[in-house]
């Protein structure tokens, strides 16, 4: 081997070593993505809207029941136990999650996921991220982890806002489950936390879908609009009786199964189906996003 070839090989080896990121560097990339995402005014606005929904629901129910009438017309169920809120403010947590899950939470996740890759390309920063020792796979996983973190934070914002409003406007105490049994307030809080975690996990399919759409375009707005549009379309299709054979495969079909956590004993069948379906969507669209992004010609 000539001296020039030896020097070239040495430079190649050094470059490979430099470009092989350590786990600590990966955590730093994830931390940077989190800070960037949660510092954006758009993210703050989305979280503020989500926090406002339980406040509006609580105030509306308080006004409706000020003359002693029952919320929701006394039907007993409604959107996640709405008639129970006047008896126990903790039920506002379940109601708020049921009210935000069909539209507000998926919309917020669609915005964050849709902008993950396309937004960087539109801003002209995607090439610079890939010049750093990130690698496309590592960057994609970091973007998805950031989106999933937002899923959890957004769900907890709804739950905590509802808990605070419920405690201010309504009494707290023992809860009556759907099965008619009584559980302590502490156990009710535990179930509320578990329900919030299940709701957050129910959105991993939407997050993977949005990330895939984000790899298809360099326009963040187009990716966000497409993701939100697909979420709305799927939910419309889920309500058409003629499509009953396909509906169990729609990612939104089992979203409200979290109510089964308020049964005694807990009914797990639909919960397991929901989580399994979300995992399937995450695997399919996550793989599609990886295949598209790793083969994509990055020009911005």
Protein backbone atom coordinates (compact mmCIF):
# COMPACT_ATOMS: atom_id res chain seq x y z
CA UNK A 1 0.00 0.00 0.00
CA UNK A 2 1.43 3.38 -0.96
CA UNK A 3 1.78 6.24 1.48
CA UNK A 4 -1.08 8.16 -0.15
CA UNK A 5 -3.36 5.15 0.07
CA UNK A 6 -2.40 4.63 3.72
CA UNK A 7 -3.19 8.24 4.56
CA UNK A 8 -6.52 8.02 2.75
CA UNK A 9 -7.40 4.84 4.67
CA UNK A 10 -6.45 6.51 7.95
CA UNK A 11 -8.70 9.48 7.22
CA UNK A 12 -11.57 7.12 6.32
CA UNK A 13 -11.19 5.19 9.58
CA UNK A 14 -11.02 8.39 11.62
CA UNK A 15 -14.09 9.77 9.85
CA UNK A 16 -15.99 6.55 10.58
CA UNK A 17 -15.02 6.74 14.22
CA UNK A 18 -16.11 10.36 14.45
CA UNK A 19 -19.43 9.64 12.78
CA UNK A 20 -20.31 6.75 15.10
CA UNK A 21 -22.40 8.45 17.80
CA UNK A 22 -22.24 7.31 21.39
CA UNK A 23 -25.36 6.56 23.49
CA UNK A 24 -24.71 9.81 25.39
CA UNK A 25 -24.73 11.73 22.11
CA UNK A 26 -28.00 10.02 21.17
CA UNK A 27 -29.57 11.15 24.45
CA UNK A 28 -28.31 14.66 23.72
CA UNK A 29 -30.01 14.57 20.32
CA UNK A 30 -33.27 13.42 21.93
CA UNK A 31 -33.00 16.13 24.59
CA UNK A 32 -32.38 18.73 21.89
CA UNK A 33 -35.44 17.56 19.93
CA UNK A 34 -37.60 17.73 23.05
CA UNK A 35 -36.46 21.27 23.86
CA UNK A 36 -36.99 22.40 20.28
CA UNK A 37 -40.48 20.88 20.12
CA UNK A 38 -41.77 22.13 23.46
CA UNK A 39 -40.33 25.63 23.02
CA UNK A 40 -42.30 26.25 19.84
CA UNK A 41 -45.29 28.54 20.17
CA UNK A 42 -47.32 26.09 18.12
CA UNK A 43 -46.72 23.34 20.68
CA UNK A 44 -47.56 25.63 23.58
CA UNK A 45 -50.77 26.70 21.83
CA UNK A 46 -51.78 23.07 21.24
CA UNK A 47 -51.23 22.21 24.90
CA UNK A 48 -53.17 25.32 25.96
CA UNK A 49 -56.15 24.29 23.82
CA UNK A 50 -56.04 20.78 25.28
CA UNK A 51 -55.93 22.18 28.81
CA UNK A 52 -58.89 24.47 28.05
CA UNK A 53 -61.22 21.65 26.97
CA UNK A 54 -61.73 20.20 30.50
CA UNK A 55 -62.21 23.72 31.85
CA UNK A 56 -65.00 24.41 29.36
CA UNK A 57 -66.62 21.02 30.01
CA UNK A 58 -66.50 21.52 33.77
CA UNK A 59 -67.96 25.02 33.61
CA UNK A 60 -70.70 23.91 31.19
CA UNK A 61 -71.72 21.02 33.48
CA UNK A 62 -71.63 23.27 36.55
CA UNK A 63 -73.96 25.76 34.85
CA UNK A 64 -76.27 23.01 33.57
CA UNK A 65 -76.62 21.40 37.01
CA UNK A 66 -76.85 24.52 39.18
CA UNK A 67 -80.61 23.99 39.58
CA UNK A 68 -80.10 20.41 40.75
CA UNK A 69 -80.69 18.71 37.39
CA UNK A 70 -78.49 15.84 36.17
CA UNK A 71 -75.75 16.43 33.61
CA UNK A 72 -76.25 14.70 30.29
CA UNK A 73 -79.95 14.26 30.80
CA UNK A 74 -79.51 11.46 33.34
CA UNK A 75 -78.69 8.83 30.74
CA UNK A 76 -76.01 7.35 32.97
CA UNK A 77 -73.28 7.09 30.38
CA UNK A 78 -72.85 9.78 27.72
CA UNK A 79 -69.28 10.76 26.90
CA UNK A 80 -67.47 8.81 29.60
CA UNK A 81 -69.71 9.03 32.65
CA UNK A 82 -70.75 12.66 32.16
CA UNK A 83 -73.76 12.21 34.44
CA UNK A 84 -71.44 11.15 37.30
CA UNK A 85 -69.36 14.35 37.34
CA UNK A 86 -71.67 16.24 39.72
CA UNK A 87 -71.24 13.43 42.27
CA UNK A 88 -67.47 13.13 41.89
CA UNK A 89 -65.13 15.55 40.12
CA UNK A 90 -62.72 12.73 39.26
CA UNK A 91 -65.15 11.64 36.55
CA UNK A 92 -64.30 14.87 34.73
CA UNK A 93 -60.91 13.30 33.95
CA UNK A 94 -62.56 10.38 32.15
CA UNK A 95 -65.03 12.66 30.38
CA UNK A 96 -62.33 15.08 29.21
CA UNK A 97 -60.19 12.26 27.83
CA UNK A 98 -63.22 10.80 26.01
CA UNK A 99 -64.05 14.25 24.59
CA UNK A 100 -60.52 15.03 23.38
CA UNK A 101 -59.52 11.58 22.10
CA UNK A 102 -61.64 11.54 18.92
CA UNK A 103 -60.36 14.88 17.57
CA UNK A 104 -58.27 17.23 19.71
CA UNK A 105 -55.55 14.80 20.80
CA UNK A 106 -55.11 13.13 17.36
CA UNK A 107 -55.05 16.57 15.73
CA UNK A 108 -52.29 17.73 18.07
CA UNK A 109 -50.30 14.52 17.50
CA UNK A 110 -50.82 14.83 13.74
CA UNK A 111 -49.39 18.35 13.78
CA UNK A 112 -46.28 17.34 15.72
CA UNK A 113 -45.67 14.10 13.79
CA UNK A 114 -46.43 15.61 10.38
CA UNK A 115 -43.92 18.38 10.97
CA UNK A 116 -41.18 16.10 12.30
CA UNK A 117 -39.27 15.50 9.04
CA UNK A 118 -41.09 17.71 6.54
CA UNK A 119 -40.70 20.74 8.80
CA UNK A 120 -36.93 20.27 8.97
CA UNK A 121 -36.77 19.90 5.18
CA UNK A 122 -38.91 23.01 4.69
CA UNK A 123 -36.71 25.01 7.04
CA UNK A 124 -33.55 23.79 5.31
CA UNK A 125 -32.14 22.18 8.47
CA UNK A 126 -32.56 18.49 7.60
CA UNK A 127 -29.26 18.24 5.71
CA UNK A 128 -27.41 19.83 8.62
CA UNK A 129 -28.92 17.31 11.04
CA UNK A 130 -27.71 14.47 8.84
CA UNK A 131 -24.21 15.99 8.50
CA UNK A 132 -23.90 15.61 12.26
CA UNK A 133 -23.20 12.01 13.38
CA UNK A 134 -26.89 11.17 13.66
CA UNK A 135 -27.64 8.79 10.84
CA UNK A 136 -31.06 8.61 9.24
CA UNK A 137 -32.33 5.71 11.32
CA UNK A 138 -31.23 7.28 14.58
CA UNK A 139 -32.73 10.63 13.61
CA UNK A 140 -36.03 9.01 12.62
CA UNK A 141 -36.23 7.10 15.91
CA UNK A 142 -35.46 10.27 17.82
CA UNK A 143 -38.24 12.11 16.00
CA UNK A 144 -40.68 9.30 16.78
CA UNK A 145 -39.63 9.18 20.45
CA UNK A 146 -40.16 12.94 20.66
CA UNK A 147 -43.63 12.60 19.14
CA UNK A 148 -44.50 9.85 21.60
CA UNK A 149 -43.29 12.00 24.47
CA UNK A 150 -45.62 14.73 23.26
CA UNK A 151 -48.45 12.15 23.19
CA UNK A 152 -47.87 11.43 26.87
CA UNK A 153 -47.47 15.08 27.86
CA UNK A 154 -50.60 16.13 25.93
CA UNK A 155 -52.68 13.37 27.56
CA UNK A 156 -51.41 14.25 31.04
CA UNK A 157 -52.18 17.93 30.42
CA UNK A 158 -55.81 17.02 29.70
CA UNK A 159 -56.00 14.71 32.73
CA UNK A 160 -54.37 17.15 35.18
CA UNK A 161 -56.45 20.08 33.95
CA UNK A 162 -59.61 18.00 34.36
CA UNK A 163 -58.56 16.84 37.82
CA UNK A 164 -57.92 20.41 38.97
CA UNK A 165 -61.23 21.71 37.57
CA UNK A 166 -63.12 18.70 38.95
CA UNK A 167 -61.68 19.30 42.42
CA UNK A 168 -62.60 23.00 42.30
CA UNK A 169 -66.15 22.66 40.99
CA UNK A 170 -67.36 19.29 42.27
CA UNK A 171 -66.97 17.05 45.34
CA UNK A 172 -64.39 14.28 45.49
CA UNK A 173 -64.63 10.91 47.19
CA UNK A 174 -65.33 7.26 46.54
CA UNK A 175 -66.24 6.29 42.99
CA UNK A 176 -68.95 4.05 41.62
CA UNK A 177 -67.65 1.93 38.75
CA UNK A 178 -69.61 1.01 35.62
CA UNK A 179 -70.23 -2.35 37.27
CA UNK A 180 -71.89 -0.63 40.24
CA UNK A 181 -69.18 -1.41 42.80
CA UNK A 182 -67.53 1.22 44.99
CA UNK A 183 -63.80 1.94 44.98
CA UNK A 184 -61.76 4.36 47.06
CA UNK A 185 -60.68 7.76 45.79
CA UNK A 186 -57.04 6.62 45.86
CA UNK A 187 -57.83 3.62 43.67
CA UNK A 188 -59.83 5.92 41.41
CA UNK A 189 -56.79 8.16 41.00
CA UNK A 190 -54.71 5.12 40.11
CA UNK A 191 -57.21 4.08 37.48
CA UNK A 192 -57.31 7.63 36.12
CA UNK A 193 -53.52 7.54 35.67
CA UNK A 194 -53.74 4.14 33.99
CA UNK A 195 -56.47 5.44 31.68
CA UNK A 196 -54.29 8.43 30.74
CA UNK A 197 -51.41 6.07 29.88
CA UNK A 198 -53.73 3.89 27.77
CA UNK A 199 -55.02 6.96 25.93
CA UNK A 200 -51.44 8.06 25.20
CA UNK A 201 -50.60 4.55 23.95
CA UNK A 202 -53.71 4.66 21.74
CA UNK A 203 -52.08 7.44 19.73
CA UNK A 204 -48.89 5.63 18.71
CA UNK A 205 -50.54 4.54 15.46
CA UNK A 206 -51.39 8.14 14.56
CA UNK A 207 -47.83 9.18 15.45
CA UNK A 208 -46.34 6.54 13.13
CA UNK A 209 -48.78 7.47 10.33
CA UNK A 210 -47.88 11.15 10.69
CA UNK A 211 -44.16 10.39 10.65
CA UNK A 212 -44.57 8.37 7.46
CA UNK A 213 -46.51 11.18 5.78
CA UNK A 214 -43.81 13.59 6.92
CA UNK A 215 -41.19 11.64 4.95
CA UNK A 216 -43.21 11.95 1.73
CA UNK A 217 -43.04 15.73 1.35
CA UNK A 218 -40.85 18.72 2.11
CA UNK A 219 -43.83 20.83 3.17
CA UNK A 220 -44.59 20.74 6.88
CA UNK A 221 -48.04 22.27 6.39
CA UNK A 222 -48.95 19.67 3.75
CA UNK A 223 -47.80 16.82 6.00
CA UNK A 224 -49.73 18.15 8.99
CA UNK A 225 -52.90 18.73 6.97
CA UNK A 226 -52.68 15.29 5.34
CA UNK A 227 -52.21 13.52 8.67
CA UNK A 228 -55.11 15.33 10.33
CA UNK A 229 -57.26 14.74 7.23
CA UNK A 230 -56.51 11.00 7.32
CA UNK A 231 -57.40 10.82 11.02
CA UNK A 232 -60.75 12.52 10.38
CA UNK A 233 -61.45 10.32 7.33
CA UNK A 234 -60.74 7.09 9.23
CA UNK A 235 -63.08 8.13 12.03
CA UNK A 236 -65.84 8.94 9.54
CA UNK A 237 -65.39 5.54 7.90
CA UNK A 238 -65.52 3.96 11.35
CA UNK A 239 -69.11 5.21 11.70
CA UNK A 240 -70.46 3.80 8.42
CA UNK A 241 -72.41 0.59 9.14
CA UNK A 242 -71.68 -0.88 5.69
CA UNK A 243 -67.97 -1.02 6.59
CA UNK A 244 -68.43 -3.05 9.78
CA UNK A 245 -66.14 -5.82 8.47
CA UNK A 246 -63.25 -3.37 8.08
CA UNK A 247 -63.84 -1.21 11.14
CA UNK A 248 -62.02 -3.44 13.67
CA UNK A 249 -58.85 -2.72 11.68
CA UNK A 250 -59.17 1.09 11.85
CA UNK A 251 -56.77 2.56 14.41
CA UNK A 252 -59.56 4.57 16.05
CA UNK A 253 -62.03 1.68 16.46
CA UNK A 254 -61.06 0.72 20.02
CA UNK A 255 -59.99 4.14 21.27
CA UNK A 256 -62.81 4.46 23.80
CA UNK A 257 -62.17 1.00 25.21
CA UNK A 258 -60.30 2.71 28.06
CA UNK A 259 -63.70 3.01 29.76
CA UNK A 260 -63.42 -0.72 30.51
CA UNK A 261 -60.78 0.18 33.10
CA UNK A 262 -63.66 1.56 35.15
CA UNK A 263 -65.31 -1.85 35.34
CA UNK A 264 -64.89 -4.17 38.29
CA UNK A 265 -63.34 -6.52 37.34
CA UNK A 266 -61.62 -4.78 34.44
CA UNK A 267 -62.70 -5.99 31.00
CA UNK A 268 -59.39 -6.45 29.13
CA UNK A 269 -60.42 -7.83 25.72
CA UNK A 270 -60.95 -4.56 23.82
CA UNK A 271 -58.05 -2.91 25.66
CA UNK A 272 -55.68 -5.62 24.45
CA UNK A 273 -57.11 -5.40 20.92
CA UNK A 274 -56.57 -1.64 20.94
CA UNK A 275 -52.96 -1.82 22.09
CA UNK A 276 -52.20 -4.64 19.67
CA UNK A 277 -53.72 -2.68 16.79
CA UNK A 278 -51.70 0.41 17.69
CA UNK A 279 -48.55 -1.69 17.77
CA UNK A 280 -49.37 -3.08 14.33
CA UNK A 281 -49.87 0.42 12.88
CA UNK A 282 -46.65 1.58 14.51
CA UNK A 283 -44.74 -1.34 13.00
CA UNK A 284 -46.22 -0.96 9.51
CA UNK A 285 -46.02 2.81 9.15
CA UNK A 286 -42.79 3.04 11.14
CA UNK A 287 -41.18 0.58 8.72
CA UNK A 288 -42.62 2.49 5.76
CA UNK A 289 -41.25 5.76 7.17
CA UNK A 290 -37.81 4.15 7.64
CA UNK A 291 -37.80 2.69 4.11
CA UNK A 292 -38.80 6.03 2.61
CA UNK A 293 -36.48 8.21 4.70
CA UNK A 294 -33.36 6.06 4.33
CA UNK A 295 -33.78 6.06 0.53
CA UNK A 296 -34.86 9.67 0.20
CA UNK A 297 -32.68 12.18 -1.64
CA UNK A 298 -32.18 14.96 0.88
CA UNK A 299 -31.94 18.30 -0.92
CA UNK A 300 -32.95 20.68 1.85
